[in-house]
Amino acid sequence: MTAIVRSHKALRITEESVRDFEDTVVVETPLTLYVNDEEFVTLVCTPEFLDELVVGFIASEGLIRTFEDIRSLAVDATRGMAWVALQTQNELQRRMFGKRVFSSCCGRGRTSFYFFNDTRTARPVEAEWTVPRSVCFETMAALQSQSHAFHVTGGIHNAALADLSGRLVAVRSDIGRHNALDKLYGWALHHRLDLGKTMAVFSGRVSSEVLLKIAKMGVPLLLSKSAPTDLGLNMAEDLGITVVGFLRARTMNVYTHPRRIAQ
């Protein structure tokens, strides 16, 4: 397996001294993706679980709906290349990749931009289950305990899927917040997981891009130790997703759809 951290020479400078030392840094690499023999995109990522990254990415872009929509998949991590052949090709989704549209959110007087493919793949999430607040704290603590690369480098994002008891069923890391989520999405599609009965646990900021990834996955509850953005929360309101931020120690902020957190 390709290493995701490496040693790098550096100087440690304080007010009292200067010394050489070997720091540990996270690996960053490009991955160029070809879909049906046509170059589609280059992703910059952490070089592990690349097959899951590819599957999750093309699913979030609306090119596939299930794992069975893929005819073949090959990844060459050494060359930084991946090839996907689809059972059928959605030409509209491919041509509109990266195109923005603007939308007025549910008549509430605010306007958001979405990429065109987001409007076709991000759907309102419906789930009426609840989880106790204690499970939220325990689940974040479990993610933190498995965030080995972050503790060593400080330069990587961690994400996980958990069941409603708080058990982590998959944990993935990447230099990109969105990449970590795509890896989880790819894993879930491969294992045919019912994402409507899971929670996403996340180390990073809840931006609009992150929120849309969660909506495309169909996950009703997002737990983050970091801050949300205004646009991210507007989208969460419209898409029915519960967003919990600043989940640290024994406190948390519930920003949207608090009904899923049992009081």
Protein backbone atom coordinates (compact mmCIF):
# COMPACT_ATOMS: atom_id res chain seq x y z
CA MET A 1 0.00 0.00 0.00
CA THR A 2 1.24 3.50 -0.84
CA ALA A 3 2.47 5.41 2.21
CA ILE A 4 0.26 8.33 3.25
CA VAL A 5 2.87 10.01 5.50
CA ARG A 6 6.56 10.71 4.94
CA SER A 7 9.45 12.21 6.84
CA HIS A 8 10.73 15.63 5.83
CA LYS A 9 13.72 17.58 7.10
CA ALA A 10 12.88 20.81 8.90
CA LEU A 11 14.23 23.38 11.36
CA ARG A 12 12.63 23.76 14.78
CA ILE A 13 13.10 27.38 15.80
CA THR A 14 12.26 28.80 19.22
CA GLU A 15 13.28 32.02 20.93
CA GLU A 16 16.13 30.10 22.56
CA SER A 17 17.36 27.69 19.89
CA VAL A 18 17.47 26.36 16.33
CA ARG A 19 17.76 22.63 15.66
CA ASP A 20 17.32 20.16 12.81
CA PHE A 21 14.62 17.52 13.08
CA GLU A 22 12.59 15.08 10.98
CA ASP A 23 8.94 16.04 10.76
CA THR A 24 6.15 13.76 9.56
CA VAL A 25 3.98 15.19 6.79
CA VAL A 26 0.98 13.86 4.91
CA VAL A 27 1.38 12.75 1.28
CA GLU A 28 -0.52 14.67 -1.41
CA THR A 29 -0.87 13.28 -4.93
CA PRO A 30 -2.91 13.88 -8.10
CA LEU A 31 -5.24 11.21 -9.45
CA THR A 32 -6.45 11.65 -13.02
CA LEU A 33 -9.76 9.93 -13.69
CA TYR A 34 -10.87 8.67 -17.10
CA VAL A 35 -14.54 7.80 -17.60
CA ASN A 36 -15.33 5.64 -20.62
CA ASP A 37 -11.82 6.37 -22.01
CA GLU A 38 -12.28 10.16 -21.77
CA GLU A 39 -10.36 12.30 -19.28
CA PHE A 40 -12.86 13.60 -16.75
CA VAL A 41 -11.10 15.25 -13.80
CA THR A 42 -7.90 15.29 -11.75
CA LEU A 43 -8.40 14.94 -8.01
CA VAL A 44 -5.72 15.92 -5.51
CA CYS A 45 -5.88 13.47 -2.63
CA THR A 46 -4.26 11.22 -0.06
CA PRO A 47 -3.22 8.02 -1.89
CA GLU A 48 -5.21 5.34 -0.07
CA PHE A 49 -8.62 3.78 -0.77
CA LEU A 50 -8.47 5.32 -4.23
CA ASP A 51 -11.01 2.88 -5.67
CA GLU A 52 -13.53 4.04 -3.08
CA LEU A 53 -12.69 7.68 -3.83
CA VAL A 54 -13.39 7.15 -7.53
CA VAL A 55 -16.69 5.36 -6.90
CA GLY A 56 -17.89 7.94 -4.39
CA PHE A 57 -16.86 10.85 -6.60
CA ILE A 58 -18.64 9.65 -9.74
CA ALA A 59 -21.71 8.79 -7.65
CA SER A 60 -21.78 12.29 -6.14
CA GLU A 61 -21.52 13.72 -9.66
CA GLY A 62 -24.54 11.69 -10.75
CA LEU A 63 -22.70 9.41 -13.19
CA ILE A 64 -23.82 6.31 -11.27
CA ARG A 65 -26.54 5.47 -8.77
CA THR A 66 -25.43 2.01 -7.67
CA PHE A 67 -22.18 0.07 -7.68
CA GLU A 68 -23.63 -2.14 -10.39
CA ASP A 69 -23.61 0.82 -12.80
CA ILE A 70 -19.84 0.32 -13.07
CA ARG A 71 -18.69 -2.15 -15.73
CA SER A 72 -15.00 -2.02 -14.76
CA LEU A 73 -12.69 -0.02 -12.49
CA ALA A 74 -8.89 0.11 -12.45
CA VAL A 75 -6.57 2.29 -10.37
CA ASP A 76 -2.80 2.69 -10.84
CA ALA A 77 -1.66 4.54 -7.72
CA THR A 78 1.96 4.66 -8.89
CA ARG A 79 1.05 6.53 -12.08
CA GLY A 80 -1.77 8.49 -10.43
CA MET A 81 -4.42 7.31 -12.89
CA ALA A 82 -7.81 5.63 -12.69
CA TRP A 83 -10.13 4.27 -15.37
CA VAL A 84 -13.86 3.64 -15.05
CA ALA A 85 -16.10 2.07 -17.66
CA LEU A 86 -19.81 2.58 -17.05
CA GLN A 87 -22.67 0.36 -18.12
CA THR A 88 -24.23 3.45 -19.70
CA GLN A 89 -23.05 7.05 -19.92
CA ASN A 90 -25.13 10.02 -18.86
CA GLU A 91 -23.95 12.54 -21.43
CA LEU A 92 -25.83 15.44 -19.82
CA GLN A 93 -24.21 14.82 -16.43
CA ARG A 94 -20.77 14.63 -18.04
CA ARG A 95 -21.18 17.82 -20.10
CA MET A 96 -22.58 19.80 -17.17
CA PHE A 97 -19.81 18.84 -14.73
CA GLY A 98 -18.67 22.04 -12.98
CA LYS A 99 -21.48 24.23 -14.34
CA ARG A 100 -23.15 26.44 -11.75
CA VAL A 101 -26.83 27.30 -11.39
CA PHE A 102 -28.50 29.63 -8.91
CA SER A 103 -31.52 28.70 -6.84
CA SER A 104 -33.84 30.57 -4.49
CA CYS A 105 -34.09 28.38 -1.40
CA CYS A 106 -37.68 27.38 -0.69
CA GLY A 107 -39.05 30.89 -1.02
CA ARG A 108 -37.22 32.13 2.08
CA GLY A 109 -35.63 35.10 0.37
CA ARG A 110 -32.14 33.69 0.09
CA THR A 111 -30.29 32.57 -3.01
CA SER A 112 -27.76 29.74 -3.20
CA PHE A 113 -25.60 28.46 -6.00
CA TYR A 114 -25.41 24.80 -6.83
CA PHE A 115 -23.45 23.04 -9.49
CA PHE A 116 -25.81 21.71 -12.14
CA ASN A 117 -25.19 18.08 -11.22
CA ASP A 118 -25.93 18.90 -7.56
CA THR A 119 -29.50 19.84 -8.46
CA ARG A 120 -29.95 16.40 -9.99
CA THR A 121 -28.31 14.34 -7.24
CA ALA A 122 -28.89 16.21 -3.96
CA ARG A 123 -32.35 15.35 -2.65
CA PRO A 124 -34.11 16.21 0.63
CA VAL A 125 -33.33 13.63 3.30
CA GLU A 126 -36.20 12.10 5.25
CA ALA A 127 -35.60 10.17 8.47
CA GLU A 128 -37.59 10.31 11.69
CA TRP A 129 -35.27 8.37 14.00
CA THR A 130 -33.47 9.99 16.93
CA VAL A 131 -30.19 9.41 18.75
CA PRO A 132 -29.35 10.34 22.35
CA ARG A 133 -26.92 13.19 22.89
CA SER A 134 -24.63 10.74 24.72
CA VAL A 135 -24.25 8.72 21.50
CA CYS A 136 -23.15 11.87 19.65
CA PHE A 137 -20.38 12.52 22.18
CA GLU A 138 -19.27 8.88 22.20
CA THR A 139 -19.20 8.69 18.40
CA MET A 140 -17.00 11.76 18.02
CA ALA A 141 -14.66 10.42 20.72
CA ALA A 142 -14.42 7.15 18.80
CA LEU A 143 -13.45 8.99 15.60
CA GLN A 144 -10.84 11.03 17.45
CA SER A 145 -9.30 7.86 18.89
CA GLN A 146 -8.84 6.46 15.35
CA SER A 147 -7.41 9.65 13.81
CA HIS A 148 -3.82 8.40 13.87
CA ALA A 149 -2.53 10.27 10.80
CA PHE A 150 -3.98 13.55 12.06
CA HIS A 151 -2.31 13.18 15.44
CA VAL A 152 1.04 12.58 13.71
CA THR A 153 0.82 15.24 10.97
CA GLY A 154 -1.97 17.69 11.86
CA GLY A 155 -2.64 17.90 8.11
CA ILE A 156 -5.46 15.52 7.31
CA HIS A 157 -9.24 15.34 7.65
CA ASN A 158 -11.07 12.38 9.13
CA ALA A 159 -14.59 11.17 8.47
CA ALA A 160 -16.61 8.13 9.46
CA LEU A 161 -19.99 6.51 9.07
CA ALA A 162 -21.64 5.25 12.24
CA ASP A 163 -24.77 3.25 12.89
CA LEU A 164 -27.47 4.60 15.19
CA SER A 165 -25.84 3.00 18.24
CA GLY A 166 -22.70 5.06 17.57
CA ARG A 167 -20.58 2.17 16.28
CA LEU A 168 -18.16 3.29 13.56
CA VAL A 169 -18.66 1.11 10.48
CA ALA A 170 -16.09 2.83 8.24
CA VAL A 171 -13.38 5.46 8.84
CA ARG A 172 -11.51 7.29 6.08
CA SER A 173 -8.94 10.12 5.93
CA ASP A 174 -7.77 12.54 3.26
CA ILE A 175 -6.16 15.93 2.79
CA GLY A 176 -9.48 17.02 1.25
CA ARG A 177 -12.65 17.08 3.35
CA HIS A 178 -14.75 16.20 0.32
CA ASN A 179 -12.40 13.36 -0.64
CA ALA A 180 -12.79 11.72 2.78
CA LEU A 181 -16.56 11.78 2.32
CA ASP A 182 -16.34 10.41 -1.23
CA LYS A 183 -14.26 7.50 0.07
CA LEU A 184 -17.00 6.72 2.58
CA TYR A 185 -19.65 7.01 -0.13
CA GLY A 186 -17.73 4.63 -2.38
CA TRP A 187 -17.34 2.13 0.47
CA ALA A 188 -21.05 2.34 1.30
CA LEU A 189 -22.12 1.77 -2.32
CA HIS A 190 -19.82 -1.22 -2.63
CA HIS A 191 -21.26 -2.71 0.57
CA ARG A 192 -24.85 -1.69 -0.25
CA LEU A 193 -25.22 0.12 3.07
CA ASP A 194 -28.52 1.83 3.89
CA LEU A 195 -27.15 5.35 4.41
CA GLY A 196 -30.51 6.63 5.63
CA LYS A 197 -29.82 4.79 8.88
CA THR A 198 -26.35 6.19 9.49
CA MET A 199 -24.65 9.27 10.88
CA ALA A 200 -21.64 11.00 9.33
CA VAL A 201 -18.90 11.97 11.80
CA PHE A 202 -16.50 14.60 10.57
CA SER A 203 -13.42 16.55 11.66
CA GLY A 204 -13.73 19.50 9.30
CA ARG A 205 -15.73 22.64 8.69
CA VAL A 206 -19.31 22.13 7.46
CA SER A 207 -19.21 24.12 4.22
CA SER A 208 -21.82 24.09 1.47
CA GLU A 209 -19.67 21.62 -0.48
CA VAL A 210 -19.53 19.23 2.47
CA LEU A 211 -23.24 19.56 3.12
CA LEU A 212 -24.06 18.73 -0.49
CA LYS A 213 -21.88 15.62 -0.30
CA ILE A 214 -23.85 14.50 2.75
CA ALA A 215 -27.15 15.17 0.97
CA LYS A 216 -26.08 13.19 -2.09
CA MET A 217 -25.16 10.28 0.18
CA GLY A 218 -28.58 10.50 1.83
CA VAL A 219 -27.19 10.73 5.39
CA PRO A 220 -29.66 12.50 7.73
CA LEU A 221 -27.26 13.57 10.53
CA LEU A 222 -23.82 15.19 10.34
CA LEU A 223 -21.66 15.47 13.47
CA SER A 224 -18.65 17.78 13.24
CA LYS A 225 -16.10 19.00 15.75
CA SER A 226 -15.69 22.19 13.71
CA ALA A 227 -17.75 25.18 12.58
CA PRO A 228 -20.46 25.42 9.91
CA THR A 229 -20.86 28.13 7.29
CA ASP A 230 -23.99 30.16 6.65
CA LEU A 231 -24.52 28.69 3.18
CA GLY A 232 -23.94 25.19 4.48
CA LEU A 233 -26.63 25.66 7.12
CA ASN A 234 -29.07 27.20 4.62
CA MET A 235 -28.67 24.12 2.45
CA ALA A 236 -29.03 21.82 5.46
CA GLU A 237 -32.34 23.49 6.36
CA ASP A 238 -33.64 23.03 2.83
CA LEU A 239 -32.39 19.46 2.44
CA GLY A 240 -33.62 18.17 5.81
CA ILE A 241 -30.20 17.40 7.31
CA THR A 242 -29.39 17.76 11.00
CA VAL A 243 -26.08 19.58 11.47
CA VAL A 244 -24.22 19.40 14.78
CA GLY A 245 -21.10 21.54 15.09
CA PHE A 246 -18.42 22.22 17.71
CA LEU A 247 -18.95 18.71 19.07
CA ARG A 248 -16.15 18.60 21.60
CA ALA A 249 -15.78 17.19 25.11
CA ARG A 250 -19.33 17.42 26.49
CA THR A 251 -20.82 20.30 24.48
CA MET A 252 -22.25 20.68 20.99
CA ASN A 253 -24.29 23.12 18.90
CA VAL A 254 -27.29 21.79 16.99
CA TYR A 255 -27.93 24.16 14.08
CA THR A 256 -30.61 22.52 11.94
CA HIS A 257 -33.43 19.98 12.36
CA PRO A 258 -32.79 19.33 16.08
CA ARG A 259 -35.61 16.75 16.27
CA ARG A 260 -33.10 13.95 15.55
CA ILE A 261 -31.15 14.65 18.77
CA ALA A 262 -33.09 13.19 21.70
CA GLN A 263 -33.33 15.75 24.47
